[in-house]
């Protein structure tokens, strides 16, 4: 209950304080490339239920569905503005609305696509017992995941076999010990990693 209180409080405060930034990002995306400003995608949430996740669009239209994996910061599908939005995680800001809608929490396992969740073992599915989040232990550990994938001959296979199991393990730790202390530690460490 307290975590939900802080989710709503933090999201509301950030949306108010960052409204000029959100407006500027809106204009940059609108002016710099064709297509909608907001990218919507179905992800898997709490209790294995689907929800619509919101992000600022960082790719050219008609390229998002080629692969679920982005490779490096200079993936040809990413717009010039999208590169900077991704670098500083600004593309994730619309997910504050997901938090207000109670689809997500500020902290929790990053929501995956259904195609990846369908690969989970029964044990791994335990991470779906909590709401997905904007940030988590795995997001911090794999801060430069795109660059890591860029060096692989088969990025998606590497993600599924090497990265995804570690992410699920880290998410399981939070899901099993979800409390305010862990919540704020992850938020603090996320801020440090973004501005590092």
C-alpha atoms as a PDB file:
ATOM      1  CA  UNK A   1       0.000   0.000   0.000  1.00  0.00           C
ATOM      2  CA  UNK A   2       2.825   2.408   0.859  1.00  0.00           C
ATOM      3  CA  UNK A   3       4.629   1.579  -2.366  1.00  0.00           C
ATOM      4  CA  UNK A   4       1.490   2.440  -4.343  1.00  0.00           C
ATOM      5  CA  UNK A   5       1.269   5.745  -2.448  1.00  0.00           C
ATOM      6  CA  UNK A   6       4.844   6.634  -3.400  1.00  0.00           C
ATOM      7  CA  UNK A   7       4.268   5.443  -6.979  1.00  0.00           C
ATOM      8  CA  UNK A   8       1.405   7.901  -7.405  1.00  0.00           C
ATOM      9  CA  UNK A   9       3.128  10.707  -5.501  1.00  0.00           C
ATOM     10  CA  UNK A  10       6.438  10.434  -7.381  1.00  0.00           C
ATOM     11  CA  UNK A  11       4.752  10.050 -10.775  1.00  0.00           C
ATOM     12  CA  UNK A  12       2.486  13.053 -10.240  1.00  0.00           C
ATOM     13  CA  UNK A  13       5.325  15.274  -8.996  1.00  0.00           C
ATOM     14  CA  UNK A  14       7.613  14.251 -11.866  1.00  0.00           C
ATOM     15  CA  UNK A  15       4.927  14.829 -14.496  1.00  0.00           C
ATOM     16  CA  UNK A  16       4.279  18.321 -13.133  1.00  0.00           C
ATOM     17  CA  UNK A  17       7.957  19.246 -12.751  1.00  0.00           C
ATOM     18  CA  UNK A  18       8.972  17.747 -16.082  1.00  0.00           C
ATOM     19  CA  UNK A  19       6.016  19.058 -18.096  1.00  0.00           C
ATOM     20  CA  UNK A  20       8.223  21.619 -19.950  1.00  0.00           C
ATOM     21  CA  UNK A  21      10.695  18.826 -20.788  1.00  0.00           C
ATOM     22  CA  UNK A  22       7.883  16.543 -21.944  1.00  0.00           C
ATOM     23  CA  UNK A  23       6.536  19.319 -24.162  1.00  0.00           C
ATOM     24  CA  UNK A  24       9.979  19.953 -25.686  1.00  0.00           C
ATOM     25  CA  UNK A  25      10.456  16.244 -26.386  1.00  0.00           C
ATOM     26  CA  UNK A  26       6.996  16.166 -27.963  1.00  0.00           C
ATOM     27  CA  UNK A  27       7.962  19.007 -30.317  1.00  0.00           C
ATOM     28  CA  UNK A  28      11.367  17.530 -31.211  1.00  0.00           C
ATOM     29  CA  UNK A  29       9.865  14.156 -32.149  1.00  0.00           C
ATOM     30  CA  UNK A  30       7.006  15.776 -34.071  1.00  0.00           C
ATOM     31  CA  UNK A  31       9.314  18.041 -36.061  1.00  0.00           C
ATOM     32  CA  UNK A  32      12.226  15.652 -36.647  1.00  0.00           C
ATOM     33  CA  UNK A  33      10.443  12.569 -38.009  1.00  0.00           C
ATOM     34  CA  UNK A  34       7.091  11.428 -39.354  1.00  0.00           C
ATOM     35  CA  UNK A  35       4.779   9.387 -37.189  1.00  0.00           C
ATOM     36  CA  UNK A  36       3.115   9.479 -33.780  1.00  0.00           C
ATOM     37  CA  UNK A  37       4.976  10.962 -30.829  1.00  0.00           C
ATOM     38  CA  UNK A  38       3.966   8.152 -28.493  1.00  0.00           C
ATOM     39  CA  UNK A  39       4.897   4.549 -29.220  1.00  0.00           C
ATOM     40  CA  UNK A  40       2.435   1.999 -27.824  1.00  0.00           C
ATOM     41  CA  UNK A  41       3.241  -1.664 -27.374  1.00  0.00           C
ATOM     42  CA  UNK A  42       1.622  -4.615 -25.641  1.00  0.00           C
ATOM     43  CA  UNK A  43       3.684  -5.924 -22.742  1.00  0.00           C
ATOM     44  CA  UNK A  44       3.103  -8.521 -20.049  1.00  0.00           C
ATOM     45  CA  UNK A  45       2.255  -7.209 -16.607  1.00  0.00           C
ATOM     46  CA  UNK A  46       1.271  -8.480 -13.203  1.00  0.00           C
ATOM     47  CA  UNK A  47      -0.361 -11.914 -13.094  1.00  0.00           C
ATOM     48  CA  UNK A  48       0.629 -12.539 -16.722  1.00  0.00           C
ATOM     49  CA  UNK A  49      -1.908 -10.031 -18.049  1.00  0.00           C
ATOM     50  CA  UNK A  50      -1.244  -7.794 -21.044  1.00  0.00           C
ATOM     51  CA  UNK A  51      -1.275  -4.005 -20.904  1.00  0.00           C
ATOM     52  CA  UNK A  52      -0.333  -1.145 -23.223  1.00  0.00           C
ATOM     53  CA  UNK A  53       3.056   0.383 -22.459  1.00  0.00           C
ATOM     54  CA  UNK A  54       3.798   3.974 -23.493  1.00  0.00           C
ATOM     55  CA  UNK A  55       7.116   5.398 -24.651  1.00  0.00           C
ATOM     56  CA  UNK A  56       8.273   8.362 -26.660  1.00  0.00           C
ATOM     57  CA  UNK A  57       8.858   7.076 -30.182  1.00  0.00           C
ATOM     58  CA  UNK A  58      12.574   6.750 -30.898  1.00  0.00           C
ATOM     59  CA  UNK A  59      12.435   4.805 -34.166  1.00  0.00           C
ATOM     60  CA  UNK A  60      11.356   5.614 -37.680  1.00  0.00           C
ATOM     61  CA  UNK A  61       7.829   4.423 -38.428  1.00  0.00           C
ATOM     62  CA  UNK A  62       7.399   0.960 -39.980  1.00  0.00           C
ATOM     63  CA  UNK A  63      10.676  -0.252 -38.464  1.00  0.00           C
ATOM     64  CA  UNK A  64       9.629  -1.110 -34.892  1.00  0.00           C
ATOM     65  CA  UNK A  65       8.375  -4.574 -35.789  1.00  0.00           C
ATOM     66  CA  UNK A  66      11.479  -5.827 -37.621  1.00  0.00           C
ATOM     67  CA  UNK A  67      13.079  -7.044 -34.418  1.00  0.00           C
ATOM     68  CA  UNK A  68      12.295  -6.711 -30.742  1.00  0.00           C
ATOM     69  CA  UNK A  69      15.999  -6.228 -30.049  1.00  0.00           C
ATOM     70  CA  UNK A  70      17.804  -2.966 -30.728  1.00  0.00           C
ATOM     71  CA  UNK A  71      21.503  -3.289 -31.483  1.00  0.00           C
ATOM     72  CA  UNK A  72      23.782  -0.560 -30.230  1.00  0.00           C
ATOM     73  CA  UNK A  73      22.960   3.106 -29.882  1.00  0.00           C
ATOM     74  CA  UNK A  74      23.430   3.604 -33.629  1.00  0.00           C
ATOM     75  CA  UNK A  75      20.847   1.060 -34.756  1.00  0.00           C
ATOM     76  CA  UNK A  76      19.710   2.385 -38.160  1.00  0.00           C
ATOM     77  CA  UNK A  77      16.078   2.244 -37.047  1.00  0.00           C
ATOM     78  CA  UNK A  78      16.678   4.828 -34.323  1.00  0.00           C
ATOM     79  CA  UNK A  79      16.108   8.494 -35.173  1.00  0.00           C
ATOM     80  CA  UNK A  80      18.788  11.100 -34.326  1.00  0.00           C
ATOM     81  CA  UNK A  81      16.552  12.493 -31.575  1.00  0.00           C
ATOM     82  CA  UNK A  82      15.773   8.953 -30.456  1.00  0.00           C
ATOM     83  CA  UNK A  83      19.465   8.292 -29.846  1.00  0.00           C
ATOM     84  CA  UNK A  84      19.616  10.983 -27.153  1.00  0.00           C
ATOM     85  CA  UNK A  85      16.244  10.080 -25.696  1.00  0.00           C
ATOM     86  CA  UNK A  86      17.436   6.496 -25.255  1.00  0.00           C
ATOM     87  CA  UNK A  87      20.850   7.493 -23.943  1.00  0.00           C
ATOM     88  CA  UNK A  88      19.320   9.417 -21.046  1.00  0.00           C
ATOM     89  CA  UNK A  89      16.259   7.147 -20.736  1.00  0.00           C
ATOM     90  CA  UNK A  90      13.940  10.051 -21.534  1.00  0.00           C
ATOM     91  CA  UNK A  91      11.925   7.824 -23.864  1.00  0.00           C
ATOM     92  CA  UNK A  92      10.654   6.026 -20.754  1.00  0.00           C
ATOM     93  CA  UNK A  93       8.997   9.119 -19.218  1.00  0.00           C
ATOM     94  CA  UNK A  94       5.488   8.408 -20.618  1.00  0.00           C
ATOM     95  CA  UNK A  95       5.488   5.281 -18.460  1.00  0.00           C
ATOM     96  CA  UNK A  96       4.748   7.590 -15.545  1.00  0.00           C
ATOM     97  CA  UNK A  97       1.204   7.536 -16.960  1.00  0.00           C
ATOM     98  CA  UNK A  98       1.334   3.726 -16.858  1.00  0.00           C
ATOM     99  CA  UNK A  99       2.169   4.054 -13.165  1.00  0.00           C
ATOM    100  CA  UNK A 100      -0.780   6.381 -12.542  1.00  0.00           C
ATOM    101  CA  UNK A 101      -3.025   3.937 -14.417  1.00  0.00           C
ATOM    102  CA  UNK A 102      -1.791   1.223 -12.015  1.00  0.00           C
ATOM    103  CA  UNK A 103      -0.356  -0.892 -14.847  1.00  0.00           C
ATOM    104  CA  UNK A 104       3.157  -0.369 -13.531  1.00  0.00           C
ATOM    105  CA  UNK A 105       5.172   0.687 -10.503  1.00  0.00           C
ATOM    106  CA  UNK A 106       8.174   3.002 -10.425  1.00  0.00           C
ATOM    107  CA  UNK A 107      10.236  -0.025  -9.371  1.00  0.00           C
ATOM    108  CA  UNK A 108       9.651  -3.553 -10.593  1.00  0.00           C
ATOM    109  CA  UNK A 109      10.713  -6.044 -13.277  1.00  0.00           C
ATOM    110  CA  UNK A 110      10.862  -4.404 -16.690  1.00  0.00           C
ATOM    111  CA  UNK A 111       7.827  -5.627 -18.661  1.00  0.00           C
ATOM    112  CA  UNK A 112       8.706  -8.016 -21.464  1.00  0.00           C
ATOM    113  CA  UNK A 113       7.031  -8.826 -24.745  1.00  0.00           C
ATOM    114  CA  UNK A 114       4.710 -11.845 -24.708  1.00  0.00           C
ATOM    115  CA  UNK A 115       7.088 -13.777 -27.017  1.00  0.00           C
ATOM    116  CA  UNK A 116       9.764 -13.740 -24.305  1.00  0.00           C
ATOM    117  CA  UNK A 117       7.468 -14.382 -21.344  1.00  0.00           C
ATOM    118  CA  UNK A 118       6.163 -17.485 -23.116  1.00  0.00           C
ATOM    119  CA  UNK A 119       9.719 -18.865 -22.804  1.00  0.00           C
ATOM    120  CA  UNK A 120       9.751 -18.530 -19.000  1.00  0.00           C
ATOM    121  CA  UNK A 121       9.872 -21.639 -16.850  1.00  0.00           C
ATOM    122  CA  UNK A 122       7.214 -22.018 -14.124  1.00  0.00           C
ATOM    123  CA  UNK A 123       9.834 -20.870 -11.598  1.00  0.00           C
ATOM    124  CA  UNK A 124      10.722 -17.797 -13.653  1.00  0.00           C
ATOM    125  CA  UNK A 125       7.053 -16.826 -13.950  1.00  0.00           C
ATOM    126  CA  UNK A 126       7.076 -15.962 -10.260  1.00  0.00           C
ATOM    127  CA  UNK A 127       8.408 -12.518 -11.235  1.00  0.00           C
ATOM    128  CA  UNK A 128       4.965 -11.859 -12.728  1.00  0.00           C
ATOM    129  CA  UNK A 129       3.500 -11.822  -9.214  1.00  0.00           C
ATOM    130  CA  UNK A 130       4.459  -8.136  -8.885  1.00  0.00           C
ATOM    131  CA  UNK A 131       3.722  -5.145 -11.080  1.00  0.00           C
ATOM    132  CA  UNK A 132       6.343  -4.385 -13.710  1.00  0.00           C
ATOM    133  CA  UNK A 133       8.342  -1.213 -13.228  1.00  0.00           C
ATOM    134  CA  UNK A 134      10.142   1.617 -14.966  1.00  0.00           C
ATOM    135  CA  UNK A 135      13.403   0.551 -13.347  1.00  0.00           C
ATOM    136  CA  UNK A 136      14.834  -2.458 -11.528  1.00  0.00           C
ATOM    137  CA  UNK A 137      18.094  -4.148 -10.552  1.00  0.00           C
ATOM    138  CA  UNK A 138      18.427  -5.593 -14.061  1.00  0.00           C
ATOM    139  CA  UNK A 139      18.036  -2.181 -15.733  1.00  0.00           C
ATOM    140  CA  UNK A 140      20.952  -0.903 -13.689  1.00  0.00           C
ATOM    141  CA  UNK A 141      23.155  -3.943 -14.321  1.00  0.00           C
ATOM    142  CA  UNK A 142      22.430  -3.952 -18.057  1.00  0.00           C
ATOM    143  CA  UNK A 143      22.533  -0.187 -18.493  1.00  0.00           C
ATOM    144  CA  UNK A 144      24.494  -0.636 -21.747  1.00  0.00           C
ATOM    145  CA  UNK A 145      22.654  -3.698 -23.005  1.00  0.00           C
ATOM    146  CA  UNK A 146      22.393  -2.369 -26.567  1.00  0.00           C
ATOM    147  CA  UNK A 147      26.159  -2.085 -26.905  1.00  0.00           C
ATOM    148  CA  UNK A 148      26.587  -5.580 -25.490  1.00  0.00           C
ATOM    149  CA  UNK A 149      24.155  -6.989 -28.046  1.00  0.00           C
ATOM    150  CA  UNK A 150      25.856  -5.093 -30.872  1.00  0.00           C
ATOM    151  CA  UNK A 151      28.934  -7.296 -30.477  1.00  0.00           C
ATOM    152  CA  UNK A 152      27.018 -10.553 -30.947  1.00  0.00           C
ATOM    153  CA  UNK A 153      26.526 -12.465 -34.202  1.00  0.00           C
ATOM    154  CA  UNK A 154      22.979 -13.406 -33.120  1.00  0.00           C
ATOM    155  CA  UNK A 155      21.809 -10.656 -30.714  1.00  0.00           C
ATOM    156  CA  UNK A 156      18.360 -12.087 -30.019  1.00  0.00           C
ATOM    157  CA  UNK A 157      19.683 -15.548 -29.238  1.00  0.00           C
ATOM    158  CA  UNK A 158      22.314 -14.004 -26.944  1.00  0.00           C
ATOM    159  CA  UNK A 159      19.606 -11.994 -25.201  1.00  0.00           C
ATOM    160  CA  UNK A 160      17.413 -15.059 -24.649  1.00  0.00           C
ATOM    161  CA  UNK A 161      20.203 -17.400 -23.535  1.00  0.00           C
ATOM    162  CA  UNK A 162      22.544 -15.078 -21.633  1.00  0.00           C
ATOM    163  CA  UNK A 163      20.879 -11.817 -20.614  1.00  0.00           C
ATOM    164  CA  UNK A 164      17.249 -12.746 -19.999  1.00  0.00           C
ATOM    165  CA  UNK A 165      17.980 -15.468 -17.384  1.00  0.00           C
ATOM    166  CA  UNK A 166      20.143 -13.038 -15.376  1.00  0.00           C
ATOM    167  CA  UNK A 167      17.462 -10.361 -15.575  1.00  0.00           C
ATOM    168  CA  UNK A 168      14.809 -12.774 -14.362  1.00  0.00           C
ATOM    169  CA  UNK A 169      17.044 -13.871 -11.487  1.00  0.00           C
ATOM    170  CA  UNK A 170      17.613 -10.260 -10.401  1.00  0.00           C
ATOM    171  CA  UNK A 171      13.915  -9.479 -10.755  1.00  0.00           C
ATOM    172  CA  UNK A 172      13.113 -12.508  -8.654  1.00  0.00           C
ATOM    173  CA  UNK A 173      15.212 -11.074  -5.827  1.00  0.00           C
ATOM    174  CA  UNK A 174      13.148  -7.886  -5.807  1.00  0.00           C
ATOM    175  CA  UNK A 175       9.846  -9.751  -6.173  1.00  0.00           C
ATOM    176  CA  UNK A 176      10.659 -11.932  -3.153  1.00  0.00           C
ATOM    177  CA  UNK A 177      11.917  -9.049  -0.991  1.00  0.00           C
ATOM    178  CA  UNK A 178       9.753  -6.165  -2.168  1.00  0.00           C
ATOM    179  CA  UNK A 179       9.830  -3.398   0.415  1.00  0.00           C
ATOM    180  CA  UNK A 180      10.285   0.364   0.693  1.00  0.00           C
ATOM    181  CA  UNK A 181      13.998   0.094   1.414  1.00  0.00           C
ATOM    182  CA  UNK A 182      14.687  -1.872  -1.784  1.00  0.00           C
ATOM    183  CA  UNK A 183      12.313   0.445  -3.674  1.00  0.00           C
ATOM    184  CA  UNK A 184      14.244   3.601  -2.794  1.00  0.00           C
ATOM    185  CA  UNK A 185      17.675   1.962  -3.150  1.00  0.00           C
ATOM    186  CA  UNK A 186      16.816   1.031  -6.744  1.00  0.00           C
ATOM    187  CA  UNK A 187      15.507   4.535  -7.500  1.00  0.00           C
ATOM    188  CA  UNK A 188      18.686   6.080  -6.059  1.00  0.00           C
ATOM    189  CA  UNK A 189      20.991   3.723  -7.975  1.00  0.00           C
ATOM    190  CA  UNK A 190      19.028   4.328 -11.172  1.00  0.00           C
ATOM    191  CA  UNK A 191      19.539   8.087 -10.897  1.00  0.00           C
ATOM    192  CA  UNK A 192      23.265   7.558 -10.366  1.00  0.00           C
ATOM    193  CA  UNK A 193      23.532   5.248 -13.403  1.00  0.00           C
ATOM    194  CA  UNK A 194      21.632   7.645 -15.678  1.00  0.00           C
ATOM    195  CA  UNK A 195      23.819  10.637 -14.842  1.00  0.00           C
ATOM    196  CA  UNK A 196      27.092   8.701 -14.562  1.00  0.00           C
END
